[in-house]
Amino acid sequence: MWSPVSRNANIASKLDPRLDGATRRLELESGSRIAVIGGGPGGSLFAYFALKMAEVLELELNVDVFEPRSFDSRGPAGCNHCGGIVSESLVQLLATEGVNLPPDVVRRGIDSYRLHMDVGVARIDTPLREKRIAAVFRGNGPRESRDVDRASFDRHLLGLAQRRGARVVRRAVTDLHWEQGRPVLQHAGEPGSTYDLVVVATGINSNLLRTLEEGVEAYRRPRTVPAYICEFELGRETIRELLGSSMHVFLLDLPRLEFAALIPKDDIVTLCLLGEGIDAELVQAFLDAPEVRRCFPPSADLPARVCNCAPLLNVRGPRRPYADRLVFVGDAGVTRLYKDGIGAAYRTAKSAAATAVFQGVSAEAFHRYFGRTSRRIARDNAIGKMIFACNGQLRRHRLSRRAILRMVLEEQSGPGERRHLSQVLWDLFSGSAPYREVLVRTLHPGFVVGLIRHVWCSLWRRGSAPPVRGGLDGQHRVG
C-alpha cells in the first residue's frame, strides 16, 4: 500500500536506534493496532477522527480504548473532574464534524453571564443572542444526588467512537514498555499487548503519567496547580429563581483566585474555582463572600455539598508531548490555560489523528504536524497568563471594579457592535476565542477610550449611575 510517510523512514531510524529494519517505516497500515489510554473527550475524539480519516485511505485500523470507568455512574466513579462547560465555538466546530450534542446531554443552555462584584452586578448577554454554551455532566451527576438517568457528555463521545468501530476495554493500563521498537501495554489480568501506536489521553490526574515520565525519553509531566470543584443540589425551581440560565462569574478581591463561577445544570449547580494555589482557606473565604451568598437560598448555612474535589490543573504542558509511536493529547499533553479544556482536547486529538493516519507515527512526523497545534496552544497560553495577571491587578482596586461595571452596564444597554468590554469578558469567561484575540480586542480604541472614560467617571462621579431595575433579567447600578 502507498504510504504518505515513506520519505521519513531514514529520519525515523535515526530518531530511535531501537527500531529494526522491519519497523523503521513508522506508518499505519491495514491491520495496525492503536491503543487509546483514556475514554474521555481527548481519547474518544482521537478514536473517532482516526477511524473516520482512515476510511479516506481505505485503511482498516483496530482501535482499543482503555477506560475502566463507567460514565453512567454518579460521583468519582464516572466523573472527569471538570466544570462541564462546552464553549460556543466548540459547539459549532463539533457540529461541523458530525458531533452534535443531543438535548438530553445538554443539561442547560447558557445564554448570558452574570458578573458579580462588591460594587454591583451586571448581565452580559451572548453576543449573537443564541443559547450556544452547553452545561453538561461528565458522568451521571454528583455523588449522593438523586438517582436519575443523566446523559453524560463523555459517554456520548465514547459512544460515537464505538459506532465508528472502536473497541472499549474496561481495564486500567498500569505500565508501558517497548519490545522491538513497539509499545507494549500492561493491564491487570492479562499479558502485555503490543500496539503500533499508543495515544495517552488519561487526563492530568492519572498516576500513569508518572510511570511514563520515567520510561519515555524527553517527556515531562505538565506543571499543575490544584483547582476546586464542588456541586450543590438546589432543585430546578430554586435554580430557576436564583440563577436562571446564566453562568455566574465573580470578580472578587481574593488573592490567588483567577476565576470563580457557578454553573447551573438541571437541579444541580457546579462551583469552579481556578487559580495558582487554591486551598481550603481560599475556598471558605469565597463561600463566605456576600456576593456569593446572595446566589444561594437565604439561610444561616449554605446547602450541603453533594460532591467536591480538588483536581490538578494543567498550567504548562510538556515541550515534547510525543515520541515514536506515542502521542499525548488533551490534559496529558498541551491544553488551554484555565479554560476550554474540552476544546483543547478536540484540537489536539484531531491533529494527532490526522498526523498518525496521513503522515505517520514517528516522533519526527508528530513534531512537524501535531507539534504545530501544541506549540500554537502553548504560545496562546503565554498571552493568557499576561491577561490573567492584568485582570488580577484590576480586581484588586475598587476604582477599576467600578469602572468595569459601569462600562458593561452602558454597553449592554446600547448597540451590540459597541460592546467592546462585554465581548472581551465573554471570551475570557467562556474560552470561546484564543487569548490572542482577547488581547487584540483590548487594544481596540473603543475599548481603551471607554475604559479610561469610565475610570474617570468612577473617580469623579461616584454613585451617580442611574439604576436599571428588573429581577432575574435586570441589571444593578454601580454601588
Protein backbone atom coordinates (compact mmCIF):
# COMPACT_ATOMS: atom_id res chain seq x y z
CA MET A 1 0.00 0.00 0.00
CA TRP A 2 1.18 3.53 -0.77
CA SER A 3 2.37 5.34 2.33
CA PRO A 4 2.35 9.15 2.75
CA VAL A 5 5.33 8.93 5.11
CA SER A 6 7.84 6.69 3.38
CA ARG A 7 10.08 9.72 2.84
CA ASN A 8 10.51 9.97 6.61
CA ALA A 9 11.87 6.43 7.08
CA ASN A 10 15.55 7.39 7.28
CA ILE A 11 14.87 10.22 9.70
CA ALA A 12 12.77 7.93 11.89
CA SER A 13 15.54 5.33 12.11
CA LYS A 14 17.97 7.97 13.35
CA LEU A 15 15.50 9.18 15.99
CA ASP A 16 15.16 5.76 17.61
CA PRO A 17 18.03 3.27 17.15
CA ARG A 18 15.91 0.54 18.81
CA LEU A 19 13.94 0.14 15.60
CA ASP A 20 14.97 -2.80 13.42
CA GLY A 21 14.66 -2.94 9.65
CA ALA A 22 11.09 -4.19 9.75
CA THR A 23 9.85 -1.30 11.82
CA ARG A 24 11.77 1.73 10.54
CA ARG A 25 8.90 2.81 8.32
CA LEU A 26 6.74 4.25 11.08
CA GLU A 27 3.36 4.34 9.43
CA LEU A 28 -0.03 2.80 9.93
CA GLU A 29 -1.15 0.05 7.61
CA SER A 30 -4.30 -2.02 7.31
CA GLY A 31 -4.48 -4.15 10.42
CA SER A 32 -2.42 -1.75 12.55
CA ARG A 33 -3.34 -1.66 16.22
CA ILE A 34 -3.87 1.58 18.14
CA ALA A 35 -4.31 1.80 21.91
CA VAL A 36 -6.01 4.88 23.35
CA ILE A 37 -5.49 5.19 27.10
CA GLY A 38 -8.46 7.13 28.44
CA GLY A 39 -12.02 7.34 27.13
CA GLY A 40 -12.67 11.00 27.96
CA PRO A 41 -13.08 13.69 25.27
CA GLY A 42 -9.44 13.52 24.10
CA GLY A 43 -9.36 9.74 23.76
CA SER A 44 -12.85 9.36 22.31
CA LEU A 45 -12.35 12.13 19.76
CA PHE A 46 -8.98 10.72 18.69
CA ALA A 47 -10.55 7.31 18.08
CA TYR A 48 -13.48 8.91 16.25
CA PHE A 49 -11.27 11.01 13.94
CA ALA A 50 -8.65 8.32 13.33
CA LEU A 51 -11.26 5.80 12.18
CA LYS A 52 -13.07 8.44 10.13
CA MET A 53 -9.88 9.57 8.39
CA ALA A 54 -8.69 6.01 7.81
CA GLU A 55 -11.75 5.44 5.65
CA VAL A 56 -10.38 8.01 3.19
CA LEU A 57 -7.30 5.81 2.62
CA GLU A 58 -9.34 2.59 2.85
CA LEU A 59 -7.24 1.78 5.89
CA GLU A 60 -8.61 -0.75 8.37
CA LEU A 61 -7.44 0.13 11.87
CA ASN A 62 -8.01 -1.74 15.12
CA VAL A 63 -8.57 0.85 17.87
CA ASP A 64 -8.82 -0.16 21.54
CA VAL A 65 -9.92 2.48 24.04
CA PHE A 66 -8.86 1.60 27.59
CA GLU A 67 -11.34 3.14 30.01
CA PRO A 68 -12.12 1.38 33.33
CA ARG A 69 -14.68 3.93 34.47
CA SER A 70 -18.37 3.91 33.63
CA PHE A 71 -19.62 7.36 32.72
CA ASP A 72 -23.09 6.16 33.71
CA SER A 73 -22.00 6.24 37.37
CA ARG A 74 -22.53 9.10 39.78
CA GLY A 75 -19.70 10.73 41.67
CA PRO A 76 -15.96 9.96 41.21
CA ALA A 77 -16.64 6.59 39.53
CA GLY A 78 -17.95 8.38 36.44
CA CYS A 79 -16.64 11.92 36.82
CA ASN A 80 -13.84 13.54 34.84
CA HIS A 81 -13.14 16.35 37.33
CA CYS A 82 -14.35 19.20 35.13
CA GLY A 83 -16.71 22.15 35.29
CA GLY A 84 -18.57 20.78 32.31
CA ILE A 85 -18.83 23.84 30.05
CA VAL A 86 -18.68 23.42 26.28
CA SER A 87 -17.91 26.79 24.70
CA GLU A 88 -19.97 28.24 21.90
CA SER A 89 -17.12 27.97 19.36
CA LEU A 90 -16.64 24.29 20.22
CA VAL A 91 -20.35 23.54 19.87
CA GLN A 92 -20.13 24.86 16.30
CA LEU A 93 -16.88 23.03 15.50
CA LEU A 94 -18.20 19.71 16.78
CA ALA A 95 -21.37 20.14 14.71
CA THR A 96 -19.31 20.57 11.53
CA GLU A 97 -17.58 17.28 12.37
CA GLY A 98 -20.90 15.47 12.72
CA VAL A 99 -20.69 15.51 16.54
CA ASN A 100 -23.98 17.03 17.64
CA LEU A 101 -24.97 17.36 21.29
CA PRO A 102 -28.48 15.96 21.82
CA PRO A 103 -30.91 17.69 24.21
CA ASP A 104 -30.51 15.05 26.93
CA VAL A 105 -26.72 15.71 27.06
CA VAL A 106 -27.04 19.49 27.40
CA ARG A 107 -28.23 19.98 30.97
CA ARG A 108 -28.79 23.69 30.46
CA GLY A 109 -28.21 26.20 27.67
CA ILE A 110 -26.26 29.21 28.93
CA ASP A 111 -27.47 32.44 27.30
CA SER A 112 -25.71 35.01 29.47
CA TYR A 113 -23.17 35.71 32.18
CA ARG A 114 -23.86 37.45 35.48
CA LEU A 115 -20.85 39.44 36.59
CA HIS A 116 -20.72 39.75 40.40
CA MET A 117 -18.51 42.26 42.18
CA ASP A 118 -18.66 44.06 45.50
CA VAL A 119 -19.67 47.22 43.61
CA GLY A 120 -22.67 45.68 41.83
CA VAL A 121 -23.96 43.11 39.37
CA ALA A 122 -24.36 43.18 35.58
CA ARG A 123 -25.70 40.78 33.00
CA ILE A 124 -23.70 40.12 29.81
CA ASP A 125 -25.80 38.60 27.03
CA THR A 126 -24.39 36.22 24.45
CA PRO A 127 -23.07 38.32 21.54
CA LEU A 128 -25.30 36.66 18.95
CA ARG A 129 -28.36 36.24 21.20
CA GLU A 130 -28.23 32.46 20.98
CA LYS A 131 -28.06 29.75 23.65
CA ARG A 132 -24.94 28.07 22.36
CA ILE A 133 -22.92 27.42 25.50
CA ALA A 134 -23.73 23.99 26.87
CA ALA A 135 -23.55 22.98 30.54
CA VAL A 136 -23.02 19.21 30.70
CA PHE A 137 -22.31 16.40 33.15
CA ARG A 138 -19.11 14.44 32.54
CA GLY A 139 -20.58 11.43 34.36
CA ASN A 140 -24.08 10.80 35.70
CA GLY A 141 -24.10 13.65 38.15
CA PRO A 142 -22.57 14.27 41.58
CA ARG A 143 -22.20 11.79 44.41
CA GLU A 144 -25.23 11.48 46.74
CA SER A 145 -27.51 13.25 44.27
CA ARG A 146 -30.87 11.84 43.27
CA ASP A 147 -30.74 8.55 41.39
CA VAL A 148 -31.85 9.75 37.97
CA ASP A 149 -30.58 8.99 34.49
CA ARG A 150 -28.49 11.95 33.33
CA ALA A 151 -26.98 11.59 29.87
CA SER A 152 -23.22 12.02 30.10
CA PHE A 153 -21.20 14.13 27.68
CA ASP A 154 -18.25 11.72 27.92
CA ARG A 155 -20.47 8.69 27.42
CA HIS A 156 -21.94 10.34 24.31
CA LEU A 157 -18.50 10.91 22.76
CA LEU A 158 -17.31 7.41 23.64
CA GLY A 159 -20.45 6.02 22.03
CA LEU A 160 -19.66 7.91 18.81
CA ALA A 161 -16.19 6.34 18.77
CA GLN A 162 -17.68 2.89 19.31
CA ARG A 163 -20.12 3.36 16.45
CA ARG A 164 -17.14 4.22 14.25
CA GLY A 165 -15.59 0.87 15.17
CA ALA A 166 -13.52 1.46 18.31
CA ARG A 167 -13.49 -1.27 20.96
CA VAL A 168 -13.80 -0.21 24.60
CA VAL A 169 -11.63 -2.20 27.02
CA ARG A 170 -12.77 -1.88 30.64
CA ARG A 171 -9.31 -2.21 32.15
CA ALA A 172 -6.78 0.19 33.62
CA VAL A 173 -3.37 0.38 31.97
CA THR A 174 -0.65 0.02 34.60
CA ASP A 175 2.57 0.22 32.60
CA LEU A 176 4.12 0.69 29.17
CA HIS A 177 7.39 -0.72 27.88
CA TRP A 178 8.98 -1.36 24.49
CA GLU A 179 9.71 -4.56 22.60
CA GLN A 180 11.40 -4.46 19.19
CA GLY A 181 10.55 -0.80 18.78
CA ARG A 182 6.83 -1.16 19.52
CA PRO A 183 4.97 -0.13 22.69
CA VAL A 184 3.56 -2.88 24.90
CA LEU A 185 0.80 -2.09 27.40
CA GLN A 186 0.38 -3.88 30.70
CA HIS A 187 -3.05 -4.09 32.27
CA ALA A 188 -4.44 -6.11 35.13
CA GLY A 189 -5.44 -9.69 34.47
CA GLU A 190 -3.86 -10.15 31.04
CA PRO A 191 -0.38 -10.40 29.48
CA GLY A 192 1.03 -7.37 27.69
CA SER A 193 -0.46 -6.24 24.37
CA THR A 194 1.68 -4.85 21.55
CA TYR A 195 0.48 -1.86 19.52
CA ASP A 196 1.65 0.20 16.57
CA LEU A 197 0.61 3.46 18.25
CA VAL A 198 -0.32 4.44 21.80
CA VAL A 199 -2.34 7.59 22.45
CA VAL A 200 -2.22 8.82 26.03
CA ALA A 201 -5.43 10.68 26.91
CA THR A 202 -5.61 9.86 30.59
CA GLY A 203 -6.01 13.38 31.90
CA ILE A 204 -3.57 15.06 34.23
CA ASN A 205 -4.79 13.32 37.41
CA SER A 206 -3.66 9.85 36.29
CA ASN A 207 -0.79 8.13 38.11
CA LEU A 208 0.21 6.55 34.80
CA LEU A 209 1.85 9.81 33.70
CA ARG A 210 4.49 9.43 36.42
CA THR A 211 5.36 5.98 35.07
CA LEU A 212 5.54 7.28 31.50
CA GLU A 213 7.74 10.19 32.55
CA GLU A 214 10.28 7.69 33.86
CA GLY A 215 10.12 5.45 30.79
CA VAL A 216 9.74 7.89 27.87
CA GLU A 217 12.79 9.94 26.98
CA ALA A 218 12.26 13.73 26.82
CA TYR A 219 8.69 13.54 28.18
CA ARG A 220 7.98 15.56 31.31
CA ARG A 221 4.62 15.71 33.01
CA PRO A 222 2.76 19.03 32.72
CA ARG A 223 3.15 21.57 35.51
CA THR A 224 -0.02 21.59 37.62
CA VAL A 225 -1.87 23.54 40.30
CA PRO A 226 -4.90 22.37 42.29
CA ALA A 227 -8.33 23.66 41.38
CA TYR A 228 -11.56 23.22 43.35
CA ILE A 229 -14.88 21.91 42.09
CA CYS A 230 -17.97 21.19 44.15
CA GLU A 231 -21.66 20.71 43.44
CA PHE A 232 -24.80 21.61 45.33
CA GLU A 233 -28.23 20.10 44.84
CA LEU A 234 -30.64 23.06 44.85
CA GLY A 235 -33.61 21.87 42.80
CA ARG A 236 -34.91 23.14 39.49
CA GLU A 237 -37.22 25.82 40.89
CA THR A 238 -34.58 27.30 43.17
CA ILE A 239 -32.05 27.40 40.36
CA ARG A 240 -34.59 28.98 38.02
CA GLU A 241 -35.39 31.71 40.54
CA LEU A 242 -31.87 32.45 41.78
CA LEU A 243 -29.57 31.61 38.86
CA GLY A 244 -31.76 31.26 35.77
CA SER A 245 -29.97 30.38 32.52
CA SER A 246 -26.89 32.47 33.35
CA MET A 247 -23.42 31.39 34.33
CA HIS A 248 -22.49 33.45 37.40
CA VAL A 249 -18.93 34.78 37.38
CA PHE A 250 -17.28 36.51 40.35
CA LEU A 251 -14.57 39.17 40.17
CA LEU A 252 -13.61 39.48 43.82
CA ASP A 253 -10.54 40.88 45.51
CA LEU A 254 -9.31 37.50 46.76
CA PRO A 255 -5.59 36.75 46.38
CA ARG A 256 -4.64 33.70 44.26
CA LEU A 257 -8.13 33.40 42.77
CA GLU A 258 -8.09 33.79 38.98
CA PHE A 259 -11.61 32.66 38.13
CA ALA A 260 -14.75 31.65 40.01
CA ALA A 261 -18.11 30.63 38.61
CA LEU A 262 -21.42 28.99 39.47
CA ILE A 263 -22.79 26.88 36.61
CA PRO A 264 -26.47 25.80 36.72
CA LYS A 265 -27.18 22.27 35.48
CA ASP A 266 -30.67 20.87 35.74
CA ASP A 267 -31.25 20.57 39.53
CA ILE A 268 -27.52 20.86 40.33
CA VAL A 269 -25.21 23.88 40.46
CA THR A 270 -21.46 23.42 39.95
CA LEU A 271 -18.91 25.72 41.59
CA CYS A 272 -15.47 26.08 39.95
CA LEU A 273 -12.51 27.91 41.47
CA LEU A 274 -9.33 28.29 39.43
CA GLY A 275 -6.05 29.92 40.31
CA GLU A 276 -2.46 29.48 41.47
CA GLY A 277 -2.87 27.94 44.89
CA ILE A 278 -6.49 27.09 45.68
CA ASP A 279 -6.69 25.81 49.26
CA ALA A 280 -9.33 25.29 51.98
CA GLU A 281 -8.86 28.79 53.37
CA LEU A 282 -9.45 30.42 49.99
CA VAL A 283 -12.48 28.22 49.28
CA GLN A 284 -14.08 29.22 52.59
CA ALA A 285 -13.30 32.90 52.05
CA PHE A 286 -15.03 32.72 48.67
CA LEU A 287 -18.10 30.93 50.02
CA ASP A 288 -18.39 33.48 52.86
CA ALA A 289 -18.38 36.45 50.47
CA PRO A 290 -21.78 38.23 50.44
CA GLU A 291 -21.70 38.33 46.63
CA VAL A 292 -21.66 34.52 46.65
CA ARG A 293 -24.17 34.02 49.44
CA ARG A 294 -26.77 36.04 47.51
CA CYS A 295 -26.77 33.34 44.81
CA PHE A 296 -27.98 30.71 47.30
CA PRO A 297 -31.25 30.42 49.23
CA PRO A 298 -31.32 32.74 52.28
CA SER A 299 -30.38 30.68 55.30
CA ALA A 300 -27.76 30.50 58.02
CA ASP A 301 -25.79 27.83 56.17
CA LEU A 302 -25.09 27.01 52.57
CA PRO A 303 -26.72 23.84 51.20
CA ALA A 304 -24.71 20.68 51.70
CA ARG A 305 -22.11 19.97 49.04
CA VAL A 306 -23.12 16.69 47.40
CA CYS A 307 -19.73 16.29 45.75
CA ASN A 308 -16.39 18.08 45.82
CA CYS A 309 -12.84 17.51 44.65
CA ALA A 310 -9.54 19.31 44.15
CA PRO A 311 -8.32 18.08 40.75
CA LEU A 312 -4.96 19.08 39.36
CA LEU A 313 -5.00 21.63 36.59
CA ASN A 314 -2.52 21.66 33.71
CA VAL A 315 -0.96 25.14 33.54
CA ARG A 316 2.09 24.31 31.41
CA GLY A 317 2.29 21.34 29.10
CA PRO A 318 5.38 19.32 28.14
CA ARG A 319 7.65 20.66 25.42
CA ARG A 320 7.63 17.27 23.68
CA PRO A 321 4.23 15.55 24.01
CA TYR A 322 5.17 12.77 21.60
CA ALA A 323 7.75 10.09 20.77
CA ASP A 324 7.96 7.34 18.20
CA ARG A 325 4.60 5.51 18.19
CA LEU A 326 3.46 7.56 21.19
CA VAL A 327 1.49 10.81 21.50
CA PHE A 328 -0.11 12.71 24.39
CA VAL A 329 -3.39 14.58 23.82
CA GLY A 330 -5.71 16.68 25.98
CA ASP A 331 -4.68 17.41 29.56
CA ALA A 332 -1.89 14.80 29.42
CA GLY A 333 -0.18 16.98 26.81
CA VAL A 334 -0.75 20.63 26.00
CA THR A 335 -4.11 22.19 26.85
CA ARG A 336 -5.53 25.70 27.20
CA LEU A 337 -4.77 27.69 30.32
CA TYR A 338 -7.71 27.56 32.77
CA LYS A 339 -10.44 27.49 30.08
CA ASP A 340 -11.87 25.32 27.31
CA GLY A 341 -10.04 22.11 28.19
CA ILE A 342 -12.60 20.16 26.16
CA GLY A 343 -11.87 22.39 23.17
CA ALA A 344 -8.14 21.76 23.52
CA ALA A 345 -8.83 18.02 23.72
CA TYR A 346 -10.75 18.28 20.44
CA ARG A 347 -7.95 20.19 18.70
CA THR A 348 -5.07 18.03 19.88
CA ALA A 349 -6.99 14.78 19.29
CA LYS A 350 -7.91 15.72 15.74
CA SER A 351 -4.38 16.94 14.95
CA ALA A 352 -2.81 13.77 16.38
CA ALA A 353 -5.24 11.58 14.41
CA ALA A 354 -4.54 13.43 11.14
CA THR A 355 -0.79 13.14 11.69
CA ALA A 356 -0.95 9.42 12.50
CA VAL A 357 -3.19 8.50 9.57
CA PHE A 358 -1.79 10.76 6.84
CA GLN A 359 1.81 11.48 7.92
CA GLY A 360 2.97 8.63 10.13
CA VAL A 361 3.63 7.80 13.76
CA SER A 362 7.29 8.76 14.12
CA ALA A 363 8.46 11.44 16.53
CA GLU A 364 9.55 13.49 13.53
CA ALA A 365 6.08 13.34 11.96
CA PHE A 366 4.39 14.31 15.23
CA HIS A 367 6.88 17.15 15.69
CA ARG A 368 6.23 18.58 12.22
CA TYR A 369 2.44 18.30 12.17
CA PHE A 370 0.87 17.57 15.56
CA GLY A 371 3.54 19.73 17.19
CA ARG A 372 2.24 22.79 15.38
CA THR A 373 -1.06 22.52 17.20
CA SER A 374 0.61 22.01 20.58
CA ARG A 375 3.01 24.89 20.09
CA ARG A 376 0.20 27.20 18.96
CA ILE A 377 -1.76 26.45 22.14
CA ALA A 378 1.36 26.95 24.28
CA ARG A 379 2.09 30.34 22.71
CA ASP A 380 -1.51 31.40 23.23
CA ASN A 381 -1.30 30.33 26.88
CA ALA A 382 1.64 32.71 27.36
CA ILE A 383 -0.65 35.54 26.27
CA GLY A 384 -3.34 34.17 28.57
CA LYS A 385 -1.01 34.36 31.57
CA MET A 386 -0.43 38.03 30.84
CA ILE A 387 -4.17 38.70 30.51
CA PHE A 388 -4.96 36.96 33.81
CA ALA A 389 -2.17 38.93 35.51
CA CYS A 390 -3.68 42.20 34.27
CA ASN A 391 -7.15 41.03 35.28
CA GLY A 392 -5.82 40.30 38.76
CA GLN A 393 -4.47 43.83 39.07
CA LEU A 394 -7.81 45.32 38.00
CA ARG A 395 -9.69 43.19 40.55
CA ARG A 396 -7.58 44.48 43.40
CA HIS A 397 -8.74 48.12 43.07
CA ARG A 398 -12.28 49.22 43.84
CA LEU A 399 -11.97 52.09 41.36
CA SER A 400 -11.22 49.75 38.44
CA ARG A 401 -14.01 47.37 39.52
CA ARG A 402 -16.47 50.29 39.46
CA ALA A 403 -15.20 51.32 36.02
CA ILE A 404 -15.62 47.78 34.65
CA LEU A 405 -19.18 47.55 35.95
CA ARG A 406 -20.12 50.98 34.59
CA MET A 407 -18.75 50.15 31.16
CA VAL A 408 -20.53 46.80 30.99
CA LEU A 409 -23.85 48.31 32.06
CA GLU A 410 -23.58 51.04 29.43
CA GLU A 411 -22.58 48.59 26.69
CA GLN A 412 -25.39 46.16 27.47
CA SER A 413 -27.97 48.92 27.07
CA GLY A 414 -26.52 50.07 23.72
CA PRO A 415 -25.81 48.67 20.21
CA GLY A 416 -24.16 45.27 20.06
CA GLU A 417 -21.30 46.38 17.84
CA ARG A 418 -20.02 48.71 20.57
CA ARG A 419 -19.78 46.12 23.34
CA HIS A 420 -16.01 46.04 23.49
CA LEU A 421 -15.51 45.15 27.16
CA SER A 422 -18.53 42.82 27.14
CA GLN A 423 -17.03 40.83 24.26
CA VAL A 424 -13.64 40.64 26.00
CA LEU A 425 -15.22 39.37 29.21
CA TRP A 426 -17.44 36.90 27.33
CA ASP A 427 -14.48 35.35 25.54
CA LEU A 428 -12.38 35.35 28.70
CA PHE A 429 -15.09 33.64 30.75
CA SER A 430 -16.18 31.10 28.14
CA GLY A 431 -12.89 30.32 26.40
CA SER A 432 -14.69 30.80 23.08
CA ALA A 433 -11.78 32.66 21.49
CA PRO A 434 -7.98 32.32 21.68
CA TYR A 435 -6.28 34.58 24.21
CA ARG A 436 -4.51 36.41 21.40
CA GLU A 437 -7.92 37.52 20.05
CA VAL A 438 -8.89 38.68 23.52
CA LEU A 439 -5.68 40.71 23.67
CA VAL A 440 -6.32 42.27 20.26
CA ARG A 441 -9.80 43.34 21.39
CA THR A 442 -8.33 45.11 24.42
CA LEU A 443 -6.21 47.21 22.03
CA HIS A 444 -9.26 48.47 20.12
CA PRO A 445 -9.64 52.27 20.51
CA GLY A 446 -13.24 51.81 21.65
CA PHE A 447 -12.11 49.56 24.48
CA VAL A 448 -9.22 51.79 25.59
CA VAL A 449 -11.11 55.09 25.40
CA GLY A 450 -14.21 53.59 27.01
CA LEU A 451 -12.32 52.13 29.95
CA ILE A 452 -10.41 55.40 30.56
CA ARG A 453 -13.66 57.36 30.43
CA HIS A 454 -15.36 55.08 32.93
CA VAL A 455 -12.38 55.16 35.27
CA TRP A 456 -12.67 58.97 35.19
CA CYS A 457 -16.41 58.81 35.84
CA SER A 458 -15.93 56.39 38.70
CA LEU A 459 -13.35 58.71 40.25
CA TRP A 460 -15.28 61.96 39.99
CA ARG A 461 -18.96 60.96 39.79
CA ARG A 462 -19.07 58.11 42.23
CA GLY A 463 -22.56 56.67 42.72
CA SER A 464 -24.20 58.83 40.01
CA ALA A 465 -25.14 55.99 37.64
CA PRO A 466 -28.92 55.51 37.42
CA PRO A 467 -30.32 52.13 38.49
CA VAL A 468 -31.64 49.71 35.90
CA ARG A 469 -34.44 47.76 37.55
CA GLY A 470 -35.55 44.21 36.91
CA GLY A 471 -35.44 40.92 38.78
CA LEU A 472 -33.51 37.96 37.43
CA ASP A 473 -33.09 39.52 33.98
CA GLY A 474 -32.28 43.03 35.15
CA GLN A 475 -29.04 44.77 35.97
CA HIS A 476 -27.96 46.57 39.11
CA ARG A 477 -26.40 50.01 39.21
CA VAL A 478 -22.89 50.73 40.36
CA GLY A 479 -22.62 50.57 44.14
